Amino acid sequence: MQVSNLVYGLADLGYFEKRIFAAVAGRAEEIARHGSEQHLCNILWAFAIANQVGLHERAVRQLWSECLRRDARKFTKVGLNQLNVFRTYARVCEGVELEIEGEGGIGERLEEVLTIKATKGAQSFEDSVCSELVELGFDGFEREVSPFVGSEEGGEMLRIDVAWEKEKVALEVDGPSHFLNLIGKKGTKKGGKKKRMKRDGPTKAKKRLMEKLGWKVTRFSFVSNMKLKKMTEEERKLFWAKKMKKVGLVNDDLK
């Protein structure tokens, strides 16, 4: 079903055009009747990433009810993970509770996939950032922390990269996979070749989720890291001191 691929692709890219999501919501009955299990997962995930669940709650509930009605064995682990993310974002970011009725079925399968890990394409980058934080006195953090206090809701996919749990400060380390290259006129500076970049849909949505849960969020990208490598030691200290102060972490030794 092309509509599921379209709305999934737009949400993944971070283009949350309301008119398109409204058009898809208007076809909820048809999608529930004819869409495959993966089509349903793609569409529900997209609505959650784009923060469109509340606006189209009736359609979303219709599609969710159809998921509960289907044979749980027909859902892939990827699809089930999408449904977990969907339910979490719907509840936390938009206040829409979606219950799993009865025992067995899709509910048990959703629990199975909470241990699926997010792809780590830049582990060495994150390691180097953490080493520098310790060196500059911003230690006391934990890595791969659930944003939910006392809960593993959302599983591995929603874990915070670097977290100071007591202060509820989150640092997300964004490698190239978190960004889109903009092409054409919007992708270059006037008279130059340098491309602008923007974060993708899931990255935007994760920040929204953490802030709804009360976390103060700051981000550090691979682009910033390249600039930092060209700085002097004193300039790097000043950079991190200013950045961390904005989220309430202060090291008095960094002046």
Protein backbone atom coordinates (compact mmCIF):
# COMPACT_ATOMS: atom_id res chain seq x y z
CA MET A 1 0.00 0.00 0.00
CA GLN A 2 1.72 3.15 -1.24
CA VAL A 3 0.09 5.42 1.34
CA SER A 4 1.91 3.67 4.20
CA ASN A 5 5.27 4.04 2.47
CA LEU A 6 4.59 7.72 1.81
CA VAL A 7 3.61 8.68 5.35
CA TYR A 8 6.38 6.54 6.84
CA GLY A 9 8.96 8.17 4.60
CA LEU A 10 7.80 11.69 5.42
CA ALA A 11 7.86 11.06 9.17
CA ASP A 12 11.30 9.48 8.95
CA LEU A 13 12.59 12.53 7.09
CA GLY A 14 11.03 14.91 9.59
CA TYR A 15 8.46 16.47 7.27
CA PHE A 16 5.29 16.61 9.36
CA GLU A 17 2.87 18.04 6.81
CA LYS A 18 -0.55 18.10 8.54
CA ARG A 19 -2.57 17.91 5.33
CA ILE A 20 -0.97 14.62 4.35
CA PHE A 21 -1.59 13.04 7.73
CA ALA A 22 -5.18 14.30 7.66
CA ALA A 23 -5.66 12.69 4.23
CA VAL A 24 -4.28 9.37 5.51
CA ALA A 25 -6.51 9.54 8.60
CA GLY A 26 -9.48 9.98 6.30
CA ARG A 27 -8.69 6.60 4.76
CA ALA A 28 -8.36 4.76 8.08
CA GLU A 29 -11.29 2.44 7.45
CA GLU A 30 -9.93 1.41 4.04
CA ILE A 31 -6.42 0.95 5.46
CA ALA A 32 -7.71 -1.19 8.33
CA ARG A 33 -9.63 -3.35 5.90
CA HIS A 34 -6.97 -3.86 3.24
CA GLY A 35 -3.59 -2.97 4.77
CA SER A 36 -1.05 -5.59 5.77
CA GLU A 37 0.33 -5.85 9.30
CA GLN A 38 3.45 -3.93 8.30
CA HIS A 39 1.37 -1.21 6.64
CA LEU A 40 -0.51 -0.69 9.90
CA CYS A 41 2.74 -0.53 11.88
CA ASN A 42 4.30 1.95 9.47
CA ILE A 43 1.34 4.30 9.59
CA LEU A 44 0.88 4.25 13.36
CA TRP A 45 4.61 4.81 13.91
CA ALA A 46 4.53 7.73 11.48
CA PHE A 47 1.60 9.41 13.25
CA ALA A 48 3.42 9.17 16.58
CA ILE A 49 6.76 10.46 15.24
CA ALA A 50 4.97 13.40 13.60
CA ASN A 51 3.01 14.22 16.78
CA GLN A 52 -0.28 13.71 14.93
CA VAL A 53 -1.97 11.10 17.14
CA GLY A 54 -4.11 13.52 19.14
CA LEU A 55 -5.28 15.37 16.04
CA HIS A 56 -6.49 12.13 14.48
CA GLU A 57 -7.26 10.03 17.54
CA ARG A 58 -10.37 8.39 16.11
CA ALA A 59 -8.53 7.14 13.02
CA VAL A 60 -5.52 6.05 15.07
CA ARG A 61 -7.70 4.04 17.46
CA GLN A 62 -9.37 2.35 14.52
CA LEU A 63 -6.00 1.25 13.17
CA TRP A 64 -4.80 0.18 16.62
CA SER A 65 -7.96 -1.92 17.13
CA GLU A 66 -7.24 -3.60 13.82
CA CYS A 67 -3.72 -4.48 15.04
CA LEU A 68 -5.19 -6.10 18.15
CA ARG A 69 -7.62 -8.09 16.00
CA ARG A 70 -4.88 -9.49 13.72
CA ASP A 71 -2.94 -12.71 14.27
CA ALA A 72 0.06 -11.67 16.42
CA ARG A 73 2.30 -14.16 14.61
CA LYS A 74 2.04 -12.14 11.40
CA PHE A 75 3.80 -9.10 12.89
CA THR A 76 7.56 -8.90 12.43
CA LYS A 77 9.87 -7.82 15.25
CA VAL A 78 10.51 -4.56 13.41
CA GLY A 79 6.78 -3.92 13.18
CA LEU A 80 6.21 -4.75 16.84
CA ASN A 81 9.00 -2.40 17.82
CA GLN A 82 7.28 0.33 15.81
CA LEU A 83 4.07 -0.32 17.74
CA ASN A 84 5.91 -0.06 21.07
CA VAL A 85 7.36 3.29 20.06
CA PHE A 86 3.96 4.41 18.80
CA ARG A 87 2.16 3.58 22.07
CA THR A 88 4.84 5.27 24.17
CA TYR A 89 4.83 8.51 22.16
CA ALA A 90 1.03 8.56 22.00
CA ARG A 91 0.77 8.34 25.79
CA VAL A 92 3.66 10.57 26.86
CA CYS A 93 3.59 13.26 24.20
CA GLU A 94 -0.11 13.44 23.40
CA GLY A 95 -1.94 11.91 26.36
CA VAL A 96 -3.58 9.16 24.29
CA GLU A 97 -3.71 5.86 26.17
CA LEU A 98 -3.91 2.71 24.04
CA GLU A 99 -4.60 -0.40 26.04
CA ILE A 100 -3.80 -4.00 25.14
CA GLU A 101 -6.92 -5.97 25.91
CA GLY A 102 -6.90 -9.52 27.20
CA GLU A 103 -4.09 -12.02 27.63
CA GLY A 104 -1.81 -13.39 24.97
CA GLY A 105 -1.89 -12.15 21.42
CA ILE A 106 0.01 -9.06 20.39
CA GLY A 107 0.61 -7.92 23.98
CA GLU A 108 3.04 -10.72 24.75
CA ARG A 109 4.85 -10.20 21.46
CA LEU A 110 5.28 -6.49 22.18
CA GLU A 111 7.08 -7.40 25.40
CA GLU A 112 9.43 -9.67 23.45
CA VAL A 113 10.91 -6.89 21.34
CA LEU A 114 11.71 -4.35 24.05
CA THR A 115 15.29 -5.60 24.03
CA ILE A 116 15.90 -4.68 20.38
CA LYS A 117 18.82 -2.28 20.37
CA ALA A 118 19.15 0.89 18.39
CA THR A 119 21.79 0.88 15.69
CA LYS A 120 25.08 2.25 16.97
CA GLY A 121 26.95 3.54 13.97
CA ALA A 122 29.20 5.96 15.85
CA GLN A 123 30.17 4.26 19.10
CA SER A 124 33.73 5.56 19.01
CA PHE A 125 32.40 9.10 18.58
CA GLU A 126 30.26 8.74 21.70
CA ASP A 127 33.19 7.18 23.59
CA SER A 128 35.41 10.15 22.75
CA VAL A 129 32.75 12.64 23.88
CA CYS A 130 32.38 10.83 27.21
CA SER A 131 36.15 10.80 27.71
CA GLU A 132 36.31 14.56 27.18
CA LEU A 133 33.41 15.14 29.59
CA VAL A 134 35.25 13.23 32.31
CA GLU A 135 38.45 15.11 31.56
CA LEU A 136 36.65 18.44 31.96
CA GLY A 137 34.97 17.47 35.23
CA PHE A 138 31.49 16.67 33.92
CA ASP A 139 31.56 13.11 35.18
CA GLY A 140 28.92 11.33 37.27
CA PHE A 141 26.89 10.38 34.21
CA GLU A 142 25.53 7.03 33.07
CA ARG A 143 25.24 5.77 29.51
CA GLU A 144 22.26 4.15 27.76
CA VAL A 145 19.75 5.21 30.42
CA SER A 146 15.99 4.75 30.17
CA PRO A 147 14.18 8.13 30.23
CA PHE A 148 11.48 6.47 32.35
CA VAL A 149 12.20 6.41 36.07
CA GLY A 150 11.94 2.86 37.37
CA SER A 151 10.68 1.52 34.05
CA GLU A 152 12.05 0.07 30.83
CA GLU A 153 9.15 1.36 28.74
CA GLY A 154 10.16 1.92 25.14
CA GLY A 155 13.04 -0.53 25.45
CA GLU A 156 16.54 -0.01 24.12
CA MET A 157 15.45 2.22 21.25
CA LEU A 158 14.55 5.17 23.48
CA ARG A 159 17.52 5.09 25.84
CA ILE A 160 19.42 8.33 26.47
CA ASP A 161 23.01 8.33 25.22
CA VAL A 162 24.53 10.13 28.21
CA ALA A 163 22.50 11.00 31.31
CA TRP A 164 23.02 12.73 34.65
CA GLU A 165 20.07 11.05 36.35
CA LYS A 166 20.01 13.05 39.58
CA GLU A 167 19.92 16.36 37.69
CA LYS A 168 17.74 14.84 34.95
CA VAL A 169 20.04 16.15 32.24
CA ALA A 170 20.35 14.29 28.93
CA LEU A 171 23.09 14.63 26.33
CA GLU A 172 22.27 13.09 22.96
CA VAL A 173 25.29 12.40 20.75
CA ASP A 174 24.20 12.64 17.12
CA GLY A 175 26.21 10.95 14.42
CA PRO A 176 25.56 11.28 10.67
CA SER A 177 22.60 8.86 10.76
CA HIS A 178 20.59 11.45 12.73
CA PHE A 179 20.74 14.00 9.92
CA LEU A 180 19.45 14.69 6.44
CA ASN A 181 21.41 16.46 3.75
CA LEU A 182 19.38 19.26 2.18
CA ILE A 183 19.82 19.49 -1.56
CA GLY A 184 19.18 22.26 -4.05
CA LYS A 185 19.08 25.91 -3.06
CA LYS A 186 18.23 25.08 0.56
CA GLY A 187 21.22 22.78 0.76
CA THR A 188 23.94 25.29 -0.01
CA LYS A 189 25.05 28.65 1.22
CA LYS A 190 24.90 31.48 -1.28
CA GLY A 191 27.90 31.21 -3.55
CA GLY A 192 29.28 28.26 -1.61
CA LYS A 193 29.21 24.49 -1.53
CA LYS A 194 28.58 23.84 2.17
CA LYS A 195 25.44 21.80 2.74
CA ARG A 196 23.00 22.58 5.51
CA MET A 197 21.74 19.69 7.58
CA LYS A 198 18.68 19.01 9.69
CA ARG A 199 17.86 16.28 12.16
CA ASP A 200 15.50 13.52 11.04
CA GLY A 201 12.01 12.74 12.35
CA PRO A 202 12.85 10.09 14.98
CA THR A 203 15.60 12.31 16.42
CA LYS A 204 13.19 15.25 16.77
CA ALA A 205 10.55 12.99 18.30
CA LYS A 206 12.93 11.50 20.88
CA LYS A 207 13.86 14.98 22.12
CA ARG A 208 10.15 15.83 22.40
CA LEU A 209 9.55 12.68 24.44
CA MET A 210 12.43 13.34 26.86
CA GLU A 211 11.32 16.92 27.45
CA LYS A 212 7.76 15.74 28.15
CA LEU A 213 9.24 13.44 30.80
CA GLY A 214 11.00 16.37 32.45
CA TRP A 215 14.52 15.92 31.07
CA LYS A 216 16.66 18.92 30.12
CA VAL A 217 18.09 17.94 26.76
CA THR A 218 21.20 19.12 24.96
CA ARG A 219 22.65 17.70 21.78
CA PHE A 220 26.17 17.35 20.39
CA SER A 221 26.58 16.50 16.71
CA PHE A 222 29.42 15.09 14.67
CA VAL A 223 29.54 18.45 12.87
CA SER A 224 30.17 20.26 16.16
CA ASN A 225 32.76 17.66 16.99
CA MET A 226 34.69 18.42 13.79
CA LYS A 227 34.70 22.11 14.70
CA LEU A 228 35.80 21.31 18.24
CA LYS A 229 38.83 19.40 16.99
CA LYS A 230 40.13 22.61 15.43
CA MET A 231 39.86 24.56 18.70
CA THR A 232 42.51 25.13 21.31
CA GLU A 233 42.20 23.43 24.67
CA GLU A 234 40.94 26.64 26.28
CA GLU A 235 38.36 27.14 23.54
CA ARG A 236 37.10 23.59 24.01
CA LYS A 237 36.77 24.10 27.76
CA LEU A 238 34.78 27.29 27.19
CA PHE A 239 32.56 25.51 24.65
CA TRP A 240 31.61 22.73 27.06
CA ALA A 241 31.26 25.08 30.03
CA LYS A 242 28.71 27.20 28.15
CA LYS A 243 26.89 24.22 26.70
CA MET A 244 26.47 22.36 29.97
CA LYS A 245 25.58 25.51 31.92
CA LYS A 246 22.49 25.89 29.72
CA VAL A 247 21.13 22.62 31.15
CA GLY A 248 22.19 23.33 34.73
CA LEU A 249 25.56 21.57 34.96
CA VAL A 250 28.35 23.87 36.14
CA ASN A 251 32.04 23.20 36.71
CA ASP A 252 33.50 26.19 38.59
CA ASP A 253 37.01 25.18 37.51
CA LEU A 254 36.18 25.99 33.89
CA LYS A 255 36.45 29.73 33.45
